[in-house]
Amino acid sequence: MKLNLKKPLAFFDLETTGVNVASDRIVEIAILKVHPDGRIERKPDDSTGKTRLLVNPERPIPVETSEIHGIYDADVKDAPTFKDIANKLFKFLYDADLAGYNSNKFDVPILAEEFLRCGIDFSIEDRNLIDVQNIFHLMEQRTLKAGYKFYCGKDLLNAHEAMVDVEATYEVFLAQIEKYKDQAIEDKDGKSYVPVVNDMDALHTVSQRHRNVDMLGRIVYNDKDQEVFNFGKHKGKTVESVLKSEPGYYGWMMNGDFPLYTKKVLKEIKERLD
C-alpha cells in the first residue's frame, strides 16, 4: 500500500544510554524516510556498506543498558559523536514528519535534546508526529470490556459493577490460559518459551513487568537481586549504598509522601544494615 503523503515521513528508532530524556545520550540511530512518490531513503545508507549508525555518547554506557541493546563502550569508542553528524541528520530530517514506536514519549524528545545541545533548533511545530504504539493501543484497547469481547466473544454489560467485573475477569483469565496454551514466544535474548501455562507460580512471574520490592515499584530488584531505587536522583543505585553514603535520604523518605509499604520495605533494609 502506498502512503498518502504530502511531505516525507521519517520512521526512526534510537538506542540510548538510558531512559532519562534530559540526561541520557543516543548510541545508535536508524531512519527510514518515505517520500510522497514512494521512494525510500535510509540512514545508514545502504550504499555505504554500513548496517548500523553508531554514535559515541561521550560517556560510559551503563552495563545494564548495554545488556538490553547489545551496544557496549568498545562498540562506540571510534564512532562519531552526535555533534559530528548533527548537521547531516538535521538536513535529512528537515522536511519530514516523524514516526516511530513510542516515539512521542521518548525518541522525539531525546532527539530534540541532542540537537539543542549542538545549538540546532529542531522544532516540531510544523511536523506531524505519528506514534505507532499509540495507534496500536487505541485500536486494540486493553480495558476489561475490550478484553472480555476479545477473549470471550461477549459484550460486558453493567461494567464497573464490582461483581460483574470480577466474574468477567475470571472468564477472561480462563480464556487466556486456553487461547495461549502451548503458544511460544521469544524473549529479548531470542530464546523460545511458553509464558502462559496453567500454573499460578509461572503466571505470577509473567504478570510482573518489574521485579518490585515494594508495591508501586519505587524500589525494585536488579539483575543481581539487589534492591535499587527506581526513581529520583538515586535511580539505579542500590538502596544499601545510598543509605550508607547519604544517611539523610532515609529520613527524607520516611517523612515524605511515600506509601507506607514503601517505608516498611525501606525500614527493613536499613535495619538489616544496622
Protein backbone atom coordinates (compact mmCIF):
# COMPACT_ATOMS: atom_id res chain seq x y z
CA MET A 1 0.00 0.00 0.00
CA LYS A 2 1.28 3.45 -0.87
CA LEU A 3 1.08 6.03 1.90
CA ASN A 4 -0.83 9.23 1.17
CA LEU A 5 1.93 11.71 1.95
CA LYS A 6 2.12 15.45 1.43
CA LYS A 7 5.70 15.52 2.72
CA PRO A 8 8.28 12.86 3.59
CA LEU A 9 7.65 10.67 6.63
CA ALA A 10 10.72 9.54 8.57
CA PHE A 11 10.39 6.42 10.69
CA PHE A 12 13.21 6.32 13.21
CA ASP A 13 14.43 4.48 16.27
CA LEU A 14 17.07 5.29 18.86
CA GLU A 15 19.18 3.24 21.19
CA THR A 16 20.44 5.25 24.14
CA THR A 17 22.47 5.18 27.34
CA GLY A 18 19.25 5.15 29.36
CA VAL A 19 15.70 6.45 29.52
CA ASN A 20 16.20 9.89 31.02
CA VAL A 21 15.35 12.33 28.21
CA ALA A 22 17.19 15.20 29.86
CA SER A 23 20.49 13.48 30.57
CA ASP A 24 20.89 10.31 28.50
CA ARG A 25 22.52 10.17 25.08
CA ILE A 26 21.99 8.43 21.76
CA VAL A 27 24.26 5.49 20.91
CA GLU A 28 22.56 4.36 17.70
CA ILE A 29 20.08 5.85 15.26
CA ALA A 30 18.27 4.34 12.30
CA ILE A 31 15.98 6.22 9.92
CA LEU A 32 13.73 5.09 7.07
CA LYS A 33 12.44 8.09 5.13
CA VAL A 34 9.45 7.56 2.85
CA HIS A 35 8.88 10.20 0.16
CA PRO A 36 5.48 11.14 -1.30
CA ASP A 37 6.41 9.38 -4.57
CA GLY A 38 7.10 6.15 -2.69
CA ARG A 39 10.87 6.44 -2.83
CA ILE A 40 12.67 5.29 0.34
CA GLU A 41 15.93 6.57 1.81
CA ARG A 42 17.71 5.08 4.80
CA LYS A 43 20.25 6.17 7.37
CA PRO A 44 22.65 4.46 7.40
CA ASP A 45 22.61 4.50 3.61
CA ASP A 46 22.76 1.05 2.01
CA SER A 47 25.39 2.32 -0.42
CA THR A 48 27.88 2.94 2.39
CA GLY A 49 28.01 -0.73 3.29
CA LYS A 50 27.34 0.11 6.93
CA THR A 51 24.47 -1.67 8.60
CA ARG A 52 24.42 0.48 11.75
CA LEU A 53 24.87 4.15 12.53
CA LEU A 54 26.53 4.06 15.95
CA VAL A 55 27.09 7.24 17.95
CA ASN A 56 29.69 7.92 20.62
CA PRO A 57 27.71 9.26 23.61
CA GLU A 58 30.88 10.71 25.16
CA ARG A 59 30.09 8.93 28.40
CA PRO A 60 30.10 5.33 29.62
CA ILE A 61 27.09 3.20 28.71
CA PRO A 62 25.69 1.50 31.84
CA VAL A 63 26.25 -2.23 31.67
CA GLU A 64 22.59 -2.96 32.41
CA THR A 65 21.63 -0.83 29.39
CA SER A 66 24.21 -2.49 27.15
CA GLU A 67 22.79 -5.87 28.08
CA ILE A 68 19.45 -4.75 26.64
CA HIS A 69 20.51 -3.30 23.28
CA GLY A 70 23.87 -5.04 22.89
CA ILE A 71 25.92 -1.86 22.38
CA TYR A 72 28.96 -1.55 24.66
CA ASP A 73 31.56 1.18 25.18
CA ALA A 74 34.02 -0.61 22.91
CA ASP A 75 31.49 -0.58 20.06
CA VAL A 76 31.17 3.21 20.05
CA LYS A 77 34.63 4.39 21.08
CA ASP A 78 35.59 5.17 17.46
CA ALA A 79 32.10 6.20 16.33
CA PRO A 80 31.25 9.83 15.55
CA THR A 81 29.64 11.92 18.26
CA PHE A 82 26.15 13.28 17.73
CA LYS A 83 27.69 16.70 17.15
CA ASP A 84 29.76 15.23 14.31
CA ILE A 85 26.65 14.06 12.45
CA ALA A 86 24.09 16.59 13.68
CA ASN A 87 24.10 18.86 10.61
CA LYS A 88 23.68 15.98 8.15
CA LEU A 89 20.90 14.44 10.24
CA PHE A 90 19.14 17.78 10.52
CA LYS A 91 19.19 18.23 6.76
CA PHE A 92 17.95 14.67 6.26
CA LEU A 93 15.00 15.23 8.63
CA TYR A 94 14.40 18.91 7.88
CA ASP A 95 11.39 18.47 5.59
CA ALA A 96 9.96 15.32 7.19
CA ASP A 97 7.21 14.36 9.57
CA LEU A 98 8.34 11.86 12.22
CA ALA A 99 7.11 8.37 13.05
CA GLY A 100 8.16 5.64 15.46
CA TYR A 101 7.09 3.22 18.16
CA ASN A 102 6.59 5.02 21.50
CA SER A 103 8.37 7.85 19.72
CA ASN A 104 6.26 10.72 21.04
CA LYS A 105 7.17 9.91 24.63
CA PHE A 106 10.83 9.06 24.14
CA ASP A 107 12.54 9.12 20.74
CA VAL A 108 11.33 12.53 19.56
CA PRO A 109 12.10 14.32 22.86
CA ILE A 110 15.59 12.83 23.22
CA LEU A 111 16.42 13.54 19.56
CA ALA A 112 15.37 17.16 20.04
CA GLU A 113 17.54 17.36 23.16
CA GLU A 114 20.58 16.14 21.25
CA PHE A 115 20.05 18.72 18.51
CA LEU A 116 19.59 21.51 21.04
CA ARG A 117 22.87 20.59 22.74
CA CYS A 118 24.52 21.22 19.38
CA GLY A 119 22.83 24.59 19.04
CA ILE A 120 20.35 23.34 16.41
CA ASP A 121 16.71 24.32 16.92
CA PHE A 122 14.93 21.11 15.99
CA SER A 123 11.34 22.34 16.04
CA ILE A 124 8.32 20.04 16.00
CA GLU A 125 5.77 22.82 15.46
CA ASP A 126 5.26 22.16 11.76
CA ARG A 127 5.73 18.39 11.89
CA ASN A 128 3.22 15.59 12.20
CA LEU A 129 4.30 13.14 14.90
CA ILE A 130 2.99 9.62 14.24
CA ASP A 131 3.29 7.16 17.13
CA VAL A 132 2.54 3.60 16.01
CA GLN A 133 2.28 2.39 19.61
CA ASN A 134 -0.45 4.92 20.36
CA ILE A 135 -2.44 3.74 17.33
CA PHE A 136 -1.96 0.14 18.48
CA HIS A 137 -3.25 0.91 21.98
CA LEU A 138 -6.14 2.96 20.61
CA MET A 139 -7.36 0.28 18.24
CA GLU A 140 -6.57 -2.73 20.45
CA GLN A 141 -7.80 -1.37 23.75
CA ARG A 142 -6.67 -3.00 26.96
CA THR A 143 -9.79 -2.31 29.03
CA LEU A 144 -11.63 -5.17 30.71
CA LYS A 145 -14.58 -4.53 28.39
CA ALA A 146 -12.35 -4.86 25.32
CA GLY A 147 -10.62 -7.91 26.76
CA TYR A 148 -13.93 -9.61 27.52
CA LYS A 149 -15.08 -9.07 23.94
CA PHE A 150 -11.76 -10.26 22.51
CA TYR A 151 -11.30 -13.39 24.61
CA CYS A 152 -14.87 -14.39 25.40
CA GLY A 153 -16.70 -13.03 22.36
CA LYS A 154 -19.36 -11.35 24.51
CA ASP A 155 -20.32 -7.81 25.40
CA LEU A 156 -19.73 -6.85 29.02
CA LEU A 157 -22.95 -5.42 30.43
CA ASN A 158 -23.05 -3.33 33.60
CA ALA A 159 -19.29 -2.86 33.57
CA HIS A 160 -17.80 -1.32 36.72
CA GLU A 161 -20.21 -3.14 38.99
CA ALA A 162 -17.69 -4.94 41.19
CA MET A 163 -19.04 -8.49 40.92
CA VAL A 164 -19.69 -8.13 37.18
CA ASP A 165 -16.08 -7.09 36.68
CA VAL A 166 -14.79 -9.91 38.89
CA GLU A 167 -16.79 -12.54 37.01
CA ALA A 168 -15.63 -11.12 33.67
CA THR A 169 -12.00 -11.08 34.81
CA TYR A 170 -12.26 -14.73 35.81
CA GLU A 171 -13.73 -15.67 32.42
CA VAL A 172 -11.03 -13.72 30.59
CA PHE A 173 -8.33 -15.46 32.64
CA LEU A 174 -9.70 -18.90 31.77
CA ALA A 175 -9.91 -17.94 28.11
CA GLN A 176 -6.32 -16.65 28.13
CA ILE A 177 -4.98 -19.91 29.50
CA GLU A 178 -6.88 -21.85 26.86
CA LYS A 179 -6.08 -19.49 23.96
CA TYR A 180 -2.34 -19.30 24.62
CA LYS A 181 -1.81 -22.94 25.61
CA ASP A 182 1.44 -24.18 24.03
CA GLN A 183 1.94 -20.83 22.27
CA ALA A 184 5.64 -19.95 22.39
CA ILE A 185 7.20 -16.51 22.14
CA GLU A 186 10.79 -15.28 22.07
CA ASP A 187 12.38 -13.39 24.93
CA LYS A 188 14.81 -10.49 24.44
CA ASP A 189 17.67 -12.98 24.03
CA GLY A 190 15.90 -14.86 21.24
CA LYS A 191 15.09 -17.89 23.38
CA SER A 192 11.70 -19.51 22.81
CA TYR A 193 9.43 -20.29 25.76
CA VAL A 194 5.75 -20.74 26.58
CA PRO A 195 4.77 -17.97 29.04
CA VAL A 196 1.07 -18.73 29.58
CA VAL A 197 0.63 -22.08 31.32
CA ASN A 198 -1.89 -23.38 33.80
CA ASP A 199 0.43 -22.81 36.74
CA MET A 200 -0.01 -19.92 39.16
CA ASP A 201 3.68 -19.65 40.11
CA ALA A 202 4.61 -19.29 36.45
CA LEU A 203 1.79 -16.82 35.75
CA HIS A 204 2.87 -14.74 38.74
CA THR A 205 6.28 -14.35 37.09
CA VAL A 206 4.72 -13.46 33.73
CA SER A 207 2.48 -10.86 35.40
CA GLN A 208 5.37 -8.92 36.88
CA ARG A 209 6.53 -6.27 34.45
CA HIS A 210 9.13 -5.24 37.01
CA ARG A 211 10.51 -7.13 39.97
CA ASN A 212 9.14 -4.80 42.61
CA VAL A 213 10.33 -4.82 46.20
CA ASP A 214 7.51 -2.51 47.29
CA MET A 215 4.04 -2.36 45.78
CA LEU A 216 4.47 0.61 43.45
CA GLY A 217 7.98 -0.09 42.22
CA ARG A 218 9.75 2.76 43.98
CA ILE A 219 12.27 0.08 44.95
CA VAL A 220 12.96 -2.85 42.59
CA TYR A 221 15.37 -5.74 42.26
CA ASN A 222 18.20 -5.51 39.75
CA ASP A 223 19.72 -8.42 37.83
CA LYS A 224 21.84 -9.26 40.87
CA ASP A 225 18.78 -9.46 43.16
CA GLN A 226 19.85 -6.26 44.93
CA GLU A 227 17.28 -3.67 45.97
CA VAL A 228 17.73 -0.49 43.94
CA PHE A 229 15.88 2.81 43.86
CA ASN A 230 13.65 3.19 40.80
CA PHE A 231 13.04 6.94 40.98
CA GLY A 232 14.71 10.26 41.65
CA LYS A 233 18.35 11.24 41.80
CA HIS A 234 19.45 7.80 43.04
CA LYS A 235 17.59 5.80 40.41
CA GLY A 236 19.54 2.63 39.59
CA LYS A 237 21.66 2.81 42.75
CA THR A 238 21.40 0.11 45.39
CA VAL A 239 19.43 1.11 48.45
CA GLU A 240 22.22 -0.11 50.71
CA SER A 241 24.86 2.07 49.05
CA VAL A 242 22.65 5.17 49.23
CA LEU A 243 21.78 4.62 52.88
CA LYS A 244 25.49 4.30 53.67
CA SER A 245 26.67 7.30 51.65
CA GLU A 246 23.71 9.60 52.33
CA PRO A 247 22.04 8.63 55.63
CA GLY A 248 19.75 11.65 55.46
CA TYR A 249 17.98 10.18 52.45
CA TYR A 250 16.36 7.62 54.72
CA GLY A 251 14.83 10.33 56.90
CA TRP A 252 13.68 12.27 53.87
CA MET A 253 11.80 9.25 52.55
CA MET A 254 10.37 8.20 55.89
CA ASN A 255 9.00 11.73 56.46
CA GLY A 256 7.95 12.17 52.84
CA ASP A 257 4.76 11.43 50.94
CA PHE A 258 5.59 7.81 50.17
CA PRO A 259 3.30 4.79 50.62
CA LEU A 260 3.51 3.07 53.99
CA TYR A 261 4.53 -0.17 52.32
CA THR A 262 7.47 1.56 50.64
CA LYS A 263 8.53 2.93 54.03
CA LYS A 264 8.14 -0.53 55.55
CA VAL A 265 10.47 -2.04 52.94
CA LEU A 266 12.98 0.78 53.35
CA LYS A 267 12.98 0.34 57.13
CA GLU A 268 13.60 -3.39 56.78
CA ILE A 269 16.60 -2.76 54.53
CA LYS A 270 18.03 -0.16 56.93
CA GLU A 271 17.57 -2.46 59.94
CA ARG A 272 19.42 -5.15 58.02
CA LEU A 273 22.37 -2.79 57.73
CA ASP A 274 22.37 -1.65 61.38
